[in-house]
Each structure stands twice: as C-alpha cells, then as structure tokens.
Amino acid sequence: QVQLVESGGGLVQPGGSLRLSCAASGFTFSSYRMTWYRQAPGKERELVAGISSGGGSTNYASFVKGRFTISRANAKNTVYLQLNSLKPEDTAVYYCHAQGWGRYWGQGTQVTVSS
C-alpha cells in the first residue's frame, strides 16, 4: 500500500522557520522524483520545489527566492522541505507528490504564518 505522510507543519510567526517531512512507503522511493506543492484557501495548488530521484537536481518556484530548500534521504524514504523567512502569504496546506511509474499524493500538512 502506497503512503506519503507529511508532517512538520504548524503555526509560526513571520520570519520564522519550519521543516516539513514526507515519509514514503509502498513503492521504490529512490526511483521517484519528489515534489512539494501547496494550496492556499481559494487558490489553485502550485508547485513549490522538486528534486530528482537521486537528489542531484532541484528546482524551485520563483516565489521561493532562496528561502526554501528541498532535500531527500533515500535511505530513510523521506523528502524534506526547509522553510525559512516565512511570510503570511506562505500560509497553505503543503503536499508532497511522488512521480515515477505511478503518481502519488500525501494528505498534506497545514502551515500557518501569522503574528
């Protein structure tokens, strides 16, 4: 059974940091490209960052502007998203997505940036 389980979200003040994790099971994680998306209330889901199966290639949305870092630990079947210098407009549900032989989504983790 394929599972993607996100964690690490929460409430943080503007300028703060969070580290999101996505633990994968049920498929060959090291063969899949992993991507983080987010969806704010009333808005469409948008790509935040992606990382190749081996971790050697990453890409980011323009709004990230050096604030977020995606990484992965294939030995732990986990992908991470480090969020720094958070802004209120970063408030959203953050989802991880796996793309390879199949395509899978996690259930999401809420990130709220507010003072």
N, C-alpha and C. Protein backbone atom coordinates (compact mmCIF):
# COMPACT_ATOMS: atom_id res chain seq x y z
N GLN A 1 0.84 -1.20 0.00
CA GLN A 1 0.00 0.00 0.00
C GLN A 1 0.88 1.25 0.00
N VAL A 2 0.65 2.11 -0.98
CA VAL A 2 1.43 3.32 -1.09
C VAL A 2 0.96 4.34 -0.06
N GLN A 3 1.92 4.94 0.63
CA GLN A 3 1.61 6.02 1.57
C GLN A 3 2.65 7.12 1.47
N LEU A 4 2.17 8.34 1.52
CA LEU A 4 3.00 9.53 1.69
C LEU A 4 2.42 10.28 2.87
N VAL A 5 3.21 10.44 3.91
CA VAL A 5 2.72 11.05 5.14
C VAL A 5 3.56 12.29 5.45
N GLU A 6 2.93 13.45 5.31
CA GLU A 6 3.61 14.71 5.62
C GLU A 6 3.49 15.03 7.11
N SER A 7 4.48 15.73 7.61
CA SER A 7 4.47 16.20 8.99
C SER A 7 5.34 17.45 9.08
N GLY A 8 5.26 18.12 10.23
CA GLY A 8 6.11 19.27 10.49
C GLY A 8 5.45 20.62 10.32
N GLY A 9 4.21 20.63 9.86
CA GLY A 9 3.52 21.90 9.73
C GLY A 9 3.12 22.46 11.09
N GLY A 10 2.61 23.67 11.06
CA GLY A 10 2.18 24.30 12.30
C GLY A 10 2.02 25.78 12.15
N LEU A 11 1.88 26.45 13.29
CA LEU A 11 1.74 27.90 13.33
C LEU A 11 3.10 28.52 13.64
N VAL A 12 3.49 29.49 12.85
CA VAL A 12 4.79 30.13 13.04
C VAL A 12 4.65 31.62 12.77
N GLN A 13 5.44 32.43 13.44
CA GLN A 13 5.40 33.87 13.23
C GLN A 13 6.13 34.24 11.94
N PRO A 14 5.78 35.37 11.35
CA PRO A 14 6.53 35.84 10.16
C PRO A 14 8.02 35.92 10.46
N GLY A 15 8.82 35.45 9.50
CA GLY A 15 10.25 35.39 9.67
C GLY A 15 10.74 34.09 10.27
N GLY A 16 9.83 33.26 10.72
CA GLY A 16 10.20 32.00 11.35
C GLY A 16 10.50 30.90 10.35
N SER A 17 10.76 29.71 10.90
CA SER A 17 11.16 28.56 10.08
C SER A 17 10.37 27.32 10.48
N LEU A 18 10.23 26.43 9.53
CA LEU A 18 9.66 25.11 9.75
C LEU A 18 10.39 24.12 8.85
N ARG A 19 10.41 22.87 9.27
CA ARG A 19 10.94 21.81 8.43
C ARG A 19 9.84 20.77 8.22
N LEU A 20 9.42 20.64 6.98
CA LEU A 20 8.41 19.66 6.63
C LEU A 20 9.09 18.35 6.23
N SER A 21 8.45 17.25 6.57
CA SER A 21 8.93 15.93 6.18
C SER A 21 7.81 15.19 5.47
N CYS A 22 8.21 14.31 4.57
CA CYS A 22 7.24 13.45 3.88
C CYS A 22 7.84 12.05 3.87
N ALA A 23 7.24 11.16 4.63
CA ALA A 23 7.71 9.78 4.72
C ALA A 23 6.95 8.91 3.74
N ALA A 24 7.68 8.18 2.92
CA ALA A 24 7.09 7.37 1.87
C ALA A 24 7.20 5.89 2.18
N SER A 25 6.22 5.14 1.70
CA SER A 25 6.27 3.68 1.83
C SER A 25 5.41 3.07 0.73
N GLY A 26 5.69 1.81 0.41
CA GLY A 26 4.87 1.09 -0.54
C GLY A 26 5.32 1.19 -1.99
N PHE A 27 6.42 1.91 -2.24
CA PHE A 27 6.96 2.00 -3.60
C PHE A 27 8.47 2.25 -3.49
N THR A 28 9.15 2.16 -4.61
CA THR A 28 10.61 2.32 -4.62
C THR A 28 10.95 3.80 -4.63
N PHE A 29 11.04 4.35 -3.45
CA PHE A 29 11.21 5.79 -3.26
C PHE A 29 12.38 6.34 -4.07
N SER A 30 13.49 5.64 -4.06
CA SER A 30 14.70 6.15 -4.70
C SER A 30 14.59 6.26 -6.21
N SER A 31 13.52 5.72 -6.79
CA SER A 31 13.31 5.79 -8.24
C SER A 31 12.34 6.89 -8.63
N TYR A 32 11.86 7.62 -7.66
CA TYR A 32 10.81 8.61 -7.91
C TYR A 32 11.32 10.02 -7.72
N ARG A 33 10.91 10.89 -8.63
CA ARG A 33 11.08 12.31 -8.44
C ARG A 33 10.06 12.75 -7.38
N MET A 34 10.46 13.62 -6.48
CA MET A 34 9.59 14.11 -5.41
C MET A 34 9.41 15.62 -5.54
N THR A 35 8.20 16.03 -5.29
CA THR A 35 7.86 17.45 -5.43
C THR A 35 6.98 17.89 -4.26
N TRP A 36 7.18 19.10 -3.80
CA TRP A 36 6.29 19.73 -2.82
C TRP A 36 5.40 20.73 -3.56
N TYR A 37 4.13 20.67 -3.25
CA TYR A 37 3.15 21.63 -3.73
C TYR A 37 2.50 22.30 -2.52
N ARG A 38 1.78 23.36 -2.78
CA ARG A 38 0.99 23.97 -1.72
C ARG A 38 -0.31 24.50 -2.31
N GLN A 39 -1.29 24.61 -1.42
CA GLN A 39 -2.59 25.15 -1.83
C GLN A 39 -3.13 26.03 -0.72
N ALA A 40 -3.29 27.30 -1.04
CA ALA A 40 -3.87 28.26 -0.11
C ALA A 40 -5.38 28.30 -0.30
N PRO A 41 -6.13 28.73 0.71
CA PRO A 41 -7.58 28.81 0.58
C PRO A 41 -8.01 29.64 -0.62
N GLY A 42 -8.88 29.07 -1.45
CA GLY A 42 -9.40 29.79 -2.61
C GLY A 42 -8.46 29.87 -3.78
N LYS A 43 -7.31 29.21 -3.67
CA LYS A 43 -6.33 29.26 -4.76
C LYS A 43 -6.05 27.86 -5.29
N GLU A 44 -5.47 27.81 -6.48
CA GLU A 44 -5.10 26.52 -7.06
C GLU A 44 -3.81 26.00 -6.42
N ARG A 45 -3.67 24.70 -6.50
CA ARG A 45 -2.44 24.08 -5.99
C ARG A 45 -1.28 24.51 -6.89
N GLU A 46 -0.14 24.84 -6.27
CA GLU A 46 1.01 25.30 -7.03
C GLU A 46 2.27 24.57 -6.60
N LEU A 47 3.19 24.43 -7.56
CA LEU A 47 4.46 23.79 -7.28
C LEU A 47 5.34 24.70 -6.43
N VAL A 48 5.99 24.09 -5.45
CA VAL A 48 6.91 24.83 -4.59
C VAL A 48 8.36 24.47 -4.93
N ALA A 49 8.65 23.16 -4.92
CA ALA A 49 10.02 22.71 -5.17
C ALA A 49 9.99 21.25 -5.57
N GLY A 50 10.99 20.85 -6.38
CA GLY A 50 11.10 19.47 -6.80
C GLY A 50 12.53 18.99 -6.70
N ILE A 51 12.70 17.67 -6.60
CA ILE A 51 14.03 17.08 -6.50
C ILE A 51 14.05 15.77 -7.27
N SER A 52 15.14 15.53 -7.98
CA SER A 52 15.26 14.33 -8.78
C SER A 52 15.39 13.09 -7.89
N SER A 53 15.27 11.94 -8.51
CA SER A 53 15.27 10.70 -7.74
C SER A 53 16.56 10.51 -6.94
N GLY A 54 17.68 10.91 -7.51
CA GLY A 54 18.95 10.77 -6.82
C GLY A 54 19.33 11.96 -5.96
N GLY A 55 18.56 13.03 -6.07
CA GLY A 55 18.81 14.22 -5.27
C GLY A 55 19.78 15.21 -5.88
N GLY A 56 20.27 14.90 -7.08
CA GLY A 56 21.27 15.77 -7.67
C GLY A 56 20.74 16.99 -8.38
N SER A 57 19.44 17.04 -8.60
CA SER A 57 18.84 18.16 -9.32
C SER A 57 17.62 18.65 -8.57
N THR A 58 17.55 19.96 -8.38
CA THR A 58 16.40 20.56 -7.71
C THR A 58 15.87 21.73 -8.53
N ASN A 59 14.61 22.06 -8.30
CA ASN A 59 14.04 23.24 -8.93
C ASN A 59 13.05 23.87 -7.96
N TYR A 60 12.88 25.18 -8.10
CA TYR A 60 12.05 25.92 -7.17
C TYR A 60 11.15 26.90 -7.92
N ALA A 61 10.00 27.17 -7.32
CA ALA A 61 9.13 28.23 -7.84
C ALA A 61 9.80 29.58 -7.60
N SER A 62 9.46 30.52 -8.45
CA SER A 62 10.11 31.83 -8.36
C SER A 62 9.83 32.52 -7.03
N PHE A 63 8.67 32.25 -6.43
CA PHE A 63 8.33 32.94 -5.19
C PHE A 63 9.18 32.44 -4.00
N VAL A 64 9.87 31.32 -4.16
CA VAL A 64 10.70 30.80 -3.08
C VAL A 64 11.88 31.74 -2.81
N LYS A 65 12.54 32.19 -3.87
CA LYS A 65 13.60 33.19 -3.79
C LYS A 65 14.64 32.89 -2.72
N GLY A 66 15.11 31.64 -2.69
CA GLY A 66 16.18 31.27 -1.78
C GLY A 66 15.75 31.01 -0.35
N ARG A 67 14.47 31.07 -0.05
CA ARG A 67 14.00 30.89 1.32
C ARG A 67 13.78 29.43 1.69
N PHE A 68 13.45 28.59 0.71
CA PHE A 68 13.13 27.18 0.97
C PHE A 68 14.21 26.28 0.38
N THR A 69 14.39 25.11 0.99
CA THR A 69 15.34 24.12 0.49
C THR A 69 14.71 22.74 0.51
N ILE A 70 14.72 22.08 -0.63
CA ILE A 70 14.23 20.71 -0.70
C ILE A 70 15.41 19.75 -0.64
N SER A 71 15.25 18.64 0.06
CA SER A 71 16.28 17.63 0.14
C SER A 71 15.61 16.27 0.34
N ARG A 72 16.39 15.22 0.22
CA ARG A 72 15.84 13.89 0.40
C ARG A 72 16.88 12.97 1.01
N ALA A 73 16.39 11.95 1.71
CA ALA A 73 17.24 10.90 2.28
C ALA A 73 16.66 9.59 1.80
N ASN A 74 17.23 9.07 0.73
CA ASN A 74 16.68 7.85 0.14
C ASN A 74 16.78 6.66 1.09
N ALA A 75 17.78 6.66 1.93
CA ALA A 75 17.91 5.57 2.90
C ALA A 75 16.78 5.58 3.93
N LYS A 76 16.15 6.74 4.08
CA LYS A 76 15.05 6.88 5.04
C LYS A 76 13.70 7.02 4.34
N ASN A 77 13.70 6.94 3.01
CA ASN A 77 12.46 7.10 2.24
C ASN A 77 11.72 8.38 2.61
N THR A 78 12.47 9.45 2.74
CA THR A 78 11.90 10.71 3.23
C THR A 78 12.40 11.89 2.38
N VAL A 79 11.49 12.80 2.10
CA VAL A 79 11.85 14.05 1.46
C VAL A 79 11.50 15.18 2.43
N TYR A 80 12.31 16.23 2.39
CA TYR A 80 12.16 17.33 3.33
C TYR A 80 11.97 18.65 2.58
N LEU A 81 11.37 19.60 3.27
CA LEU A 81 11.30 20.96 2.77
C LEU A 81 11.56 21.89 3.94
N GLN A 82 12.71 22.54 3.90
CA GLN A 82 13.07 23.52 4.92
C GLN A 82 12.50 24.87 4.50
N LEU A 83 11.69 25.45 5.36
CA LEU A 83 11.05 26.73 5.09
C LEU A 83 11.65 27.78 6.02
N ASN A 84 12.30 28.77 5.46
CA ASN A 84 12.89 29.86 6.23
C ASN A 84 12.27 31.20 5.82
N SER A 85 12.44 32.18 6.65
CA SER A 85 11.94 33.54 6.36
C SER A 85 10.49 33.51 5.90
N LEU A 86 9.68 32.80 6.65
CA LEU A 86 8.29 32.60 6.25
C LEU A 86 7.50 33.91 6.28
N LYS A 87 6.57 34.00 5.34
CA LYS A 87 5.72 35.18 5.20
C LYS A 87 4.25 34.75 5.35
N PRO A 88 3.38 35.67 5.70
CA PRO A 88 1.95 35.30 5.79
C PRO A 88 1.41 34.68 4.50
N GLU A 89 1.91 35.11 3.38
CA GLU A 89 1.45 34.56 2.10
C GLU A 89 1.92 33.13 1.84
N ASP A 90 2.78 32.61 2.70
CA ASP A 90 3.18 31.20 2.61
C ASP A 90 2.17 30.29 3.30
N THR A 91 1.18 30.86 3.94
CA THR A 91 0.14 30.06 4.60
C THR A 91 -0.60 29.21 3.56
N ALA A 92 -0.60 27.90 3.79
CA ALA A 92 -1.21 26.96 2.85
C ALA A 92 -1.12 25.56 3.42
N VAL A 93 -1.80 24.64 2.76
CA VAL A 93 -1.57 23.22 3.01
C VAL A 93 -0.47 22.77 2.04
N TYR A 94 0.56 22.15 2.60
CA TYR A 94 1.69 21.70 1.80
C TYR A 94 1.59 20.19 1.57
N TYR A 95 1.71 19.81 0.31
CA TYR A 95 1.56 18.41 -0.08
C TYR A 95 2.86 17.90 -0.72
N CYS A 96 3.18 16.63 -0.48
CA CYS A 96 4.26 16.03 -1.25
C CYS A 96 3.66 15.13 -2.32
N HIS A 97 4.40 15.00 -3.40
CA HIS A 97 3.95 14.28 -4.58
C HIS A 97 5.11 13.43 -5.10
N ALA A 98 4.80 12.20 -5.45
CA ALA A 98 5.80 11.28 -6.00
C ALA A 98 5.45 10.99 -7.45
N GLN A 99 6.46 11.07 -8.31
CA GLN A 99 6.25 10.80 -9.74
C GLN A 99 7.29 9.82 -10.24
N GLY A 100 6.81 8.70 -10.78
CA GLY A 100 7.70 7.70 -11.35
C GLY A 100 6.85 6.76 -12.18
N TRP A 101 6.90 5.47 -11.86
CA TRP A 101 5.98 4.54 -12.53
C TRP A 101 4.54 4.88 -12.19
N GLY A 102 4.31 5.40 -11.03
CA GLY A 102 3.00 5.87 -10.62
C GLY A 102 3.08 7.32 -10.16
N ARG A 103 1.95 7.87 -9.79
CA ARG A 103 1.91 9.23 -9.24
C ARG A 103 1.08 9.19 -7.97
N TYR A 104 1.65 9.73 -6.88
CA TYR A 104 1.00 9.62 -5.58
C TYR A 104 1.04 10.96 -4.86
N TRP A 105 0.00 11.19 -4.04
CA TRP A 105 -0.09 12.41 -3.23
C TRP A 105 -0.21 12.05 -1.76
N GLY A 106 0.34 12.90 -0.93
CA GLY A 106 0.10 12.80 0.50
C GLY A 106 -1.16 13.55 0.88
N GLN A 107 -1.48 13.53 2.18
CA GLN A 107 -2.71 14.16 2.66
C GLN A 107 -2.53 15.63 2.99
N GLY A 108 -1.29 16.07 3.07
CA GLY A 108 -1.00 17.47 3.32
C GLY A 108 -0.75 17.79 4.78
N THR A 109 -0.01 18.88 4.99
CA THR A 109 0.23 19.40 6.33
C THR A 109 0.04 20.92 6.29
N GLN A 110 -0.66 21.44 7.29
CA GLN A 110 -1.01 22.86 7.30
C GLN A 110 0.15 23.69 7.81
N VAL A 111 0.48 24.73 7.08
CA VAL A 111 1.45 25.74 7.52
C VAL A 111 0.72 27.06 7.62
N THR A 112 0.75 27.66 8.80
CA THR A 112 0.11 28.95 9.03
C THR A 112 1.15 29.93 9.54
N VAL A 113 1.30 31.03 8.82
CA VAL A 113 2.26 32.07 9.19
C VAL A 113 1.48 33.30 9.62
N SER A 114 1.55 33.59 10.89
CA SER A 114 0.75 34.69 11.44
C SER A 114 1.36 35.16 12.74
N SER A 115 1.20 36.46 13.00
CA SER A 115 1.66 37.00 14.27
C SER A 115 0.52 37.03 15.27
